Amino acid sequence: MTDETPETTEGTRDNFQKYRDAFLREQMAMKGVKPDEMDSALTFVNDRLADDESNLEGVMFDLRVQMRLGGRRKYADPSMGNGSKVKPPRKDGYDVGRKLFDKIRNKPKIR
């Protein structure tokens, strides 16, 4: 028999959970999780992580995928025939000036 009392096993579990959370937070920080998203990401990981943590890499990959999907902009998909607006070609200032000068020069004089 062991000499462990329920209080010591509870304390050991608490210490284990603290170190495990610290380790997971460190791993998530290396993966690029922002500090304000850390608690929700930790909940996501804890819900999907096995007891022996054998699927840690897979869960971290899923977390990164969820973060990318959550960061996408939500906008409507444009219709197929609706293309982007065509921009007119840029005009050269010299050409505009020449056309205006020719227009003035060719007008009949006012008397």
N, C-alpha and C. Protein backbone atom coordinates (compact mmCIF):
# COMPACT_ATOMS: atom_id res chain seq x y z
N MET A 1 0.83 -1.18 0.00
CA MET A 1 0.00 0.00 0.00
C MET A 1 0.87 1.24 0.00
N THR A 2 0.31 2.28 -0.54
CA THR A 2 1.05 3.53 -0.58
C THR A 2 0.62 4.41 0.58
N ASP A 3 1.50 5.32 0.94
CA ASP A 3 1.22 6.23 2.05
C ASP A 3 0.56 7.52 1.58
N GLU A 4 0.12 7.57 0.33
CA GLU A 4 -0.46 8.80 -0.20
C GLU A 4 -1.87 8.98 0.34
N THR A 5 -2.11 10.18 0.80
CA THR A 5 -3.46 10.52 1.25
C THR A 5 -4.18 11.21 0.10
N PRO A 6 -5.47 11.31 0.17
CA PRO A 6 -6.19 11.99 -0.92
C PRO A 6 -5.75 13.43 -1.12
N GLU A 7 -5.27 14.09 -0.03
CA GLU A 7 -4.84 15.48 -0.17
C GLU A 7 -3.56 15.57 -1.01
N THR A 8 -2.62 14.63 -0.83
CA THR A 8 -1.37 14.69 -1.59
C THR A 8 -1.61 14.33 -3.05
N THR A 9 -2.50 13.39 -3.33
CA THR A 9 -2.77 13.08 -4.72
C THR A 9 -3.47 14.25 -5.40
N GLU A 10 -4.34 14.94 -4.68
CA GLU A 10 -5.00 16.11 -5.25
C GLU A 10 -3.99 17.21 -5.52
N GLY A 11 -3.06 17.41 -4.59
CA GLY A 11 -2.00 18.41 -4.79
C GLY A 11 -1.11 18.06 -5.96
N THR A 12 -0.80 16.78 -6.11
CA THR A 12 0.02 16.34 -7.24
C THR A 12 -0.70 16.59 -8.55
N ARG A 13 -2.01 16.29 -8.57
CA ARG A 13 -2.80 16.54 -9.79
C ARG A 13 -2.85 18.03 -10.12
N ASP A 14 -2.99 18.86 -9.08
CA ASP A 14 -3.01 20.30 -9.31
C ASP A 14 -1.68 20.80 -9.88
N ASN A 15 -0.56 20.31 -9.29
CA ASN A 15 0.76 20.69 -9.80
C ASN A 15 0.94 20.21 -11.24
N PHE A 16 0.53 18.98 -11.51
CA PHE A 16 0.64 18.44 -12.86
C PHE A 16 -0.16 19.30 -13.84
N GLN A 17 -1.38 19.68 -13.44
CA GLN A 17 -2.23 20.49 -14.32
C GLN A 17 -1.61 21.86 -14.57
N LYS A 18 -0.99 22.46 -13.54
CA LYS A 18 -0.35 23.77 -13.69
C LYS A 18 0.82 23.68 -14.66
N TYR A 19 1.67 22.65 -14.50
CA TYR A 19 2.82 22.49 -15.39
C TYR A 19 2.37 22.16 -16.81
N ARG A 20 1.31 21.36 -16.90
CA ARG A 20 0.79 20.99 -18.22
C ARG A 20 0.24 22.23 -18.93
N ASP A 21 -0.52 23.05 -18.21
CA ASP A 21 -1.05 24.28 -18.80
C ASP A 21 0.08 25.22 -19.21
N ALA A 22 1.10 25.34 -18.37
CA ALA A 22 2.24 26.21 -18.71
C ALA A 22 2.94 25.70 -19.97
N PHE A 23 3.12 24.38 -20.06
CA PHE A 23 3.75 23.79 -21.23
C PHE A 23 2.91 24.04 -22.49
N LEU A 24 1.60 23.84 -22.38
CA LEU A 24 0.72 24.05 -23.53
C LEU A 24 0.69 25.52 -23.94
N ARG A 25 0.70 26.42 -22.96
CA ARG A 25 0.73 27.85 -23.29
C ARG A 25 2.02 28.21 -24.02
N GLU A 26 3.12 27.63 -23.58
CA GLU A 26 4.40 27.88 -24.24
C GLU A 26 4.38 27.35 -25.67
N GLN A 27 3.84 26.15 -25.86
CA GLN A 27 3.73 25.57 -27.20
C GLN A 27 2.84 26.43 -28.10
N MET A 28 1.73 26.90 -27.55
CA MET A 28 0.82 27.72 -28.35
C MET A 28 1.43 29.08 -28.67
N ALA A 29 2.22 29.62 -27.76
CA ALA A 29 2.89 30.89 -28.03
C ALA A 29 3.89 30.72 -29.17
N MET A 30 4.57 29.57 -29.20
CA MET A 30 5.50 29.31 -30.30
C MET A 30 4.76 29.13 -31.63
N LYS A 31 3.51 28.66 -31.57
CA LYS A 31 2.72 28.46 -32.79
C LYS A 31 2.06 29.76 -33.24
N GLY A 32 2.15 30.83 -32.44
CA GLY A 32 1.63 32.12 -32.85
C GLY A 32 0.28 32.48 -32.30
N VAL A 33 -0.13 31.85 -31.22
CA VAL A 33 -1.41 32.19 -30.60
C VAL A 33 -1.24 33.50 -29.83
N LYS A 34 -2.16 34.43 -30.05
CA LYS A 34 -2.08 35.73 -29.37
C LYS A 34 -2.45 35.56 -27.90
N PRO A 35 -1.89 36.40 -27.02
CA PRO A 35 -2.19 36.27 -25.58
C PRO A 35 -3.68 36.41 -25.25
N ASP A 36 -4.41 37.23 -25.98
CA ASP A 36 -5.83 37.38 -25.67
C ASP A 36 -6.66 36.18 -26.14
N GLU A 37 -6.11 35.34 -26.99
CA GLU A 37 -6.80 34.13 -27.46
C GLU A 37 -6.33 32.88 -26.73
N MET A 38 -5.41 33.05 -25.79
CA MET A 38 -4.76 31.91 -25.15
C MET A 38 -5.73 31.04 -24.36
N ASP A 39 -6.65 31.64 -23.61
CA ASP A 39 -7.57 30.85 -22.79
C ASP A 39 -8.51 30.01 -23.64
N SER A 40 -9.06 30.58 -24.70
CA SER A 40 -9.95 29.81 -25.56
C SER A 40 -9.18 28.73 -26.31
N ALA A 41 -7.94 29.03 -26.69
CA ALA A 41 -7.12 28.02 -27.36
C ALA A 41 -6.77 26.89 -26.40
N LEU A 42 -6.51 27.21 -25.14
CA LEU A 42 -6.21 26.19 -24.14
C LEU A 42 -7.41 25.28 -23.92
N THR A 43 -8.60 25.85 -23.89
CA THR A 43 -9.82 25.05 -23.77
C THR A 43 -9.98 24.14 -24.98
N PHE A 44 -9.71 24.68 -26.18
CA PHE A 44 -9.79 23.89 -27.41
C PHE A 44 -8.84 22.70 -27.35
N VAL A 45 -7.60 22.95 -26.91
CA VAL A 45 -6.60 21.88 -26.84
C VAL A 45 -6.96 20.86 -25.77
N ASN A 46 -7.38 21.32 -24.59
CA ASN A 46 -7.71 20.40 -23.50
C ASN A 46 -8.89 19.50 -23.86
N ASP A 47 -9.85 20.03 -24.62
CA ASP A 47 -11.00 19.22 -25.02
C ASP A 47 -10.61 18.10 -25.99
N ARG A 48 -9.61 18.32 -26.79
CA ARG A 48 -9.26 17.36 -27.84
C ARG A 48 -8.03 16.52 -27.54
N LEU A 49 -7.30 16.85 -26.50
CA LEU A 49 -6.05 16.17 -26.18
C LEU A 49 -6.32 14.87 -25.43
N ALA A 50 -5.62 13.80 -25.83
CA ALA A 50 -5.75 12.51 -25.15
C ALA A 50 -5.04 12.58 -23.79
N ASP A 51 -5.34 11.60 -22.93
CA ASP A 51 -4.74 11.59 -21.59
C ASP A 51 -3.23 11.45 -21.64
N ASP A 52 -2.73 10.66 -22.59
CA ASP A 52 -1.28 10.46 -22.67
C ASP A 52 -0.61 11.48 -23.59
N GLU A 53 -1.38 12.44 -24.11
CA GLU A 53 -0.88 13.52 -24.95
C GLU A 53 -0.16 13.02 -26.20
N SER A 54 -0.57 11.86 -26.69
CA SER A 54 0.07 11.30 -27.89
C SER A 54 -0.35 12.05 -29.14
N ASN A 55 -1.46 12.73 -29.10
CA ASN A 55 -1.94 13.43 -30.29
C ASN A 55 -1.72 14.94 -30.20
N LEU A 56 -0.70 15.37 -29.47
CA LEU A 56 -0.44 16.79 -29.25
C LEU A 56 -0.18 17.52 -30.56
N GLU A 57 0.64 16.96 -31.43
CA GLU A 57 0.96 17.63 -32.70
C GLU A 57 -0.28 17.77 -33.57
N GLY A 58 -1.11 16.74 -33.60
CA GLY A 58 -2.34 16.81 -34.39
C GLY A 58 -3.29 17.86 -33.86
N VAL A 59 -3.40 17.96 -32.55
CA VAL A 59 -4.28 18.96 -31.95
C VAL A 59 -3.74 20.36 -32.20
N MET A 60 -2.43 20.54 -32.13
CA MET A 60 -1.83 21.85 -32.40
C MET A 60 -2.06 22.24 -33.86
N PHE A 61 -1.98 21.26 -34.77
CA PHE A 61 -2.26 21.53 -36.18
C PHE A 61 -3.71 21.95 -36.36
N ASP A 62 -4.63 21.23 -35.70
CA ASP A 62 -6.05 21.59 -35.78
C ASP A 62 -6.30 23.00 -35.23
N LEU A 63 -5.57 23.35 -34.17
CA LEU A 63 -5.71 24.68 -33.58
C LEU A 63 -5.28 25.74 -34.58
N ARG A 64 -4.16 25.51 -35.26
CA ARG A 64 -3.69 26.48 -36.26
C ARG A 64 -4.68 26.62 -37.40
N VAL A 65 -5.28 25.50 -37.82
CA VAL A 65 -6.28 25.55 -38.89
C VAL A 65 -7.49 26.35 -38.43
N GLN A 66 -7.96 26.10 -37.21
CA GLN A 66 -9.11 26.82 -36.69
C GLN A 66 -8.82 28.32 -36.57
N MET A 67 -7.60 28.67 -36.19
CA MET A 67 -7.23 30.07 -36.07
C MET A 67 -7.23 30.74 -37.43
N ARG A 68 -6.73 30.04 -38.45
CA ARG A 68 -6.72 30.61 -39.80
C ARG A 68 -8.13 30.79 -40.33
N LEU A 69 -9.00 29.80 -40.08
CA LEU A 69 -10.38 29.90 -40.55
C LEU A 69 -11.12 31.00 -39.82
N GLY A 70 -10.84 31.15 -38.54
CA GLY A 70 -11.50 32.20 -37.77
C GLY A 70 -11.02 33.58 -38.16
N GLY A 71 -9.82 33.70 -38.67
CA GLY A 71 -9.26 34.99 -39.04
C GLY A 71 -9.66 35.45 -40.42
N ARG A 72 -10.31 34.62 -41.19
CA ARG A 72 -10.73 35.01 -42.53
C ARG A 72 -11.83 36.05 -42.48
N ARG A 73 -11.83 36.90 -43.49
CA ARG A 73 -12.90 37.88 -43.59
C ARG A 73 -14.16 37.20 -44.10
N LYS A 74 -15.24 37.62 -43.57
CA LYS A 74 -16.50 37.06 -43.99
C LYS A 74 -17.15 38.06 -44.95
N TYR A 75 -17.12 37.74 -46.22
CA TYR A 75 -17.71 38.61 -47.22
C TYR A 75 -18.46 37.76 -48.23
N ALA A 76 -19.32 38.40 -48.98
CA ALA A 76 -20.13 37.69 -49.97
C ALA A 76 -19.28 37.36 -51.18
N ASP A 77 -19.54 36.23 -51.75
CA ASP A 77 -18.85 35.81 -52.96
C ASP A 77 -19.50 36.51 -54.14
N PRO A 78 -18.74 37.25 -54.97
CA PRO A 78 -19.37 37.95 -56.08
C PRO A 78 -19.89 36.98 -57.13
N SER A 79 -20.87 37.45 -57.90
CA SER A 79 -21.43 36.58 -58.93
C SER A 79 -20.41 36.37 -60.05
N MET A 80 -20.63 35.33 -60.83
CA MET A 80 -19.66 34.94 -61.86
C MET A 80 -19.49 36.01 -62.94
N GLY A 81 -20.58 36.60 -63.41
CA GLY A 81 -20.49 37.56 -64.51
C GLY A 81 -20.10 38.95 -64.08
N ASN A 82 -20.03 39.18 -62.79
CA ASN A 82 -19.74 40.51 -62.29
C ASN A 82 -18.24 40.64 -62.09
N GLY A 83 -17.56 41.12 -63.09
CA GLY A 83 -16.11 41.27 -63.00
C GLY A 83 -15.73 42.54 -62.28
N SER A 84 -14.44 42.73 -62.12
CA SER A 84 -13.99 43.94 -61.45
C SER A 84 -14.08 45.13 -62.41
N LYS A 85 -14.14 46.31 -61.85
CA LYS A 85 -14.26 47.52 -62.65
C LYS A 85 -12.98 47.74 -63.45
N VAL A 86 -13.15 48.07 -64.73
CA VAL A 86 -12.00 48.31 -65.59
C VAL A 86 -11.56 49.76 -65.39
N LYS A 87 -10.31 49.94 -65.05
CA LYS A 87 -9.80 51.29 -64.84
C LYS A 87 -9.40 51.89 -66.19
N PRO A 88 -9.73 53.16 -66.41
CA PRO A 88 -9.35 53.79 -67.68
C PRO A 88 -7.84 53.98 -67.74
N PRO A 89 -7.30 54.01 -68.96
CA PRO A 89 -5.84 54.20 -69.06
C PRO A 89 -5.44 55.58 -68.54
N ARG A 90 -4.27 55.68 -68.02
CA ARG A 90 -3.79 56.93 -67.47
C ARG A 90 -3.43 57.90 -68.59
N LYS A 91 -3.85 59.14 -68.44
CA LYS A 91 -3.59 60.13 -69.47
C LYS A 91 -2.30 60.87 -69.17
N ASP A 92 -1.60 61.21 -70.24
CA ASP A 92 -0.37 61.98 -70.12
C ASP A 92 -0.73 63.46 -70.13
N GLY A 93 -0.16 64.24 -69.28
CA GLY A 93 -0.46 65.67 -69.19
C GLY A 93 -0.09 66.43 -70.45
N TYR A 94 0.98 66.03 -71.11
CA TYR A 94 1.39 66.70 -72.34
C TYR A 94 0.36 66.49 -73.45
N ASP A 95 -0.16 65.28 -73.57
CA ASP A 95 -1.17 65.01 -74.59
C ASP A 95 -2.44 65.82 -74.33
N VAL A 96 -2.86 65.91 -73.09
CA VAL A 96 -4.05 66.69 -72.75
C VAL A 96 -3.82 68.15 -73.11
N GLY A 97 -2.66 68.69 -72.78
CA GLY A 97 -2.34 70.08 -73.10
C GLY A 97 -2.30 70.33 -74.59
N ARG A 98 -1.74 69.41 -75.36
CA ARG A 98 -1.69 69.57 -76.83
C ARG A 98 -3.10 69.60 -77.43
N LYS A 99 -3.96 68.70 -76.94
CA LYS A 99 -5.33 68.66 -77.46
C LYS A 99 -6.07 69.95 -77.16
N LEU A 100 -5.92 70.48 -75.96
CA LEU A 100 -6.57 71.74 -75.61
C LEU A 100 -6.02 72.90 -76.45
N PHE A 101 -4.72 72.93 -76.66
CA PHE A 101 -4.12 73.99 -77.47
C PHE A 101 -4.62 73.92 -78.91
N ASP A 102 -4.68 72.71 -79.50
CA ASP A 102 -5.19 72.56 -80.87
C ASP A 102 -6.65 72.99 -80.96
N LYS A 103 -7.43 72.70 -79.94
CA LYS A 103 -8.84 73.06 -79.92
C LYS A 103 -9.00 74.58 -79.91
N ILE A 104 -8.20 75.25 -79.12
CA ILE A 104 -8.27 76.71 -79.06
C ILE A 104 -7.74 77.32 -80.35
N ARG A 105 -6.66 76.80 -80.90
CA ARG A 105 -6.03 77.34 -82.09
C ARG A 105 -6.94 77.21 -83.32
N ASN A 106 -7.69 76.15 -83.42
CA ASN A 106 -8.51 75.90 -84.60
C ASN A 106 -9.88 76.60 -84.53
N LYS A 107 -10.24 77.17 -83.41
CA LYS A 107 -11.51 77.88 -83.30
C LYS A 107 -11.43 79.19 -84.08
N PRO A 108 -12.55 79.58 -84.67
CA PRO A 108 -12.53 80.88 -85.33
C PRO A 108 -12.44 82.00 -84.28
N LYS A 109 -11.79 83.07 -84.68
CA LYS A 109 -11.58 84.17 -83.75
C LYS A 109 -12.89 84.93 -83.56
N ILE A 110 -13.07 85.44 -82.35
CA ILE A 110 -14.24 86.23 -82.03
C ILE A 110 -13.89 87.70 -82.29
N ARG A 111 -14.72 88.45 -83.00
CA ARG A 111 -14.43 89.84 -83.28
C ARG A 111 -15.28 90.75 -82.52
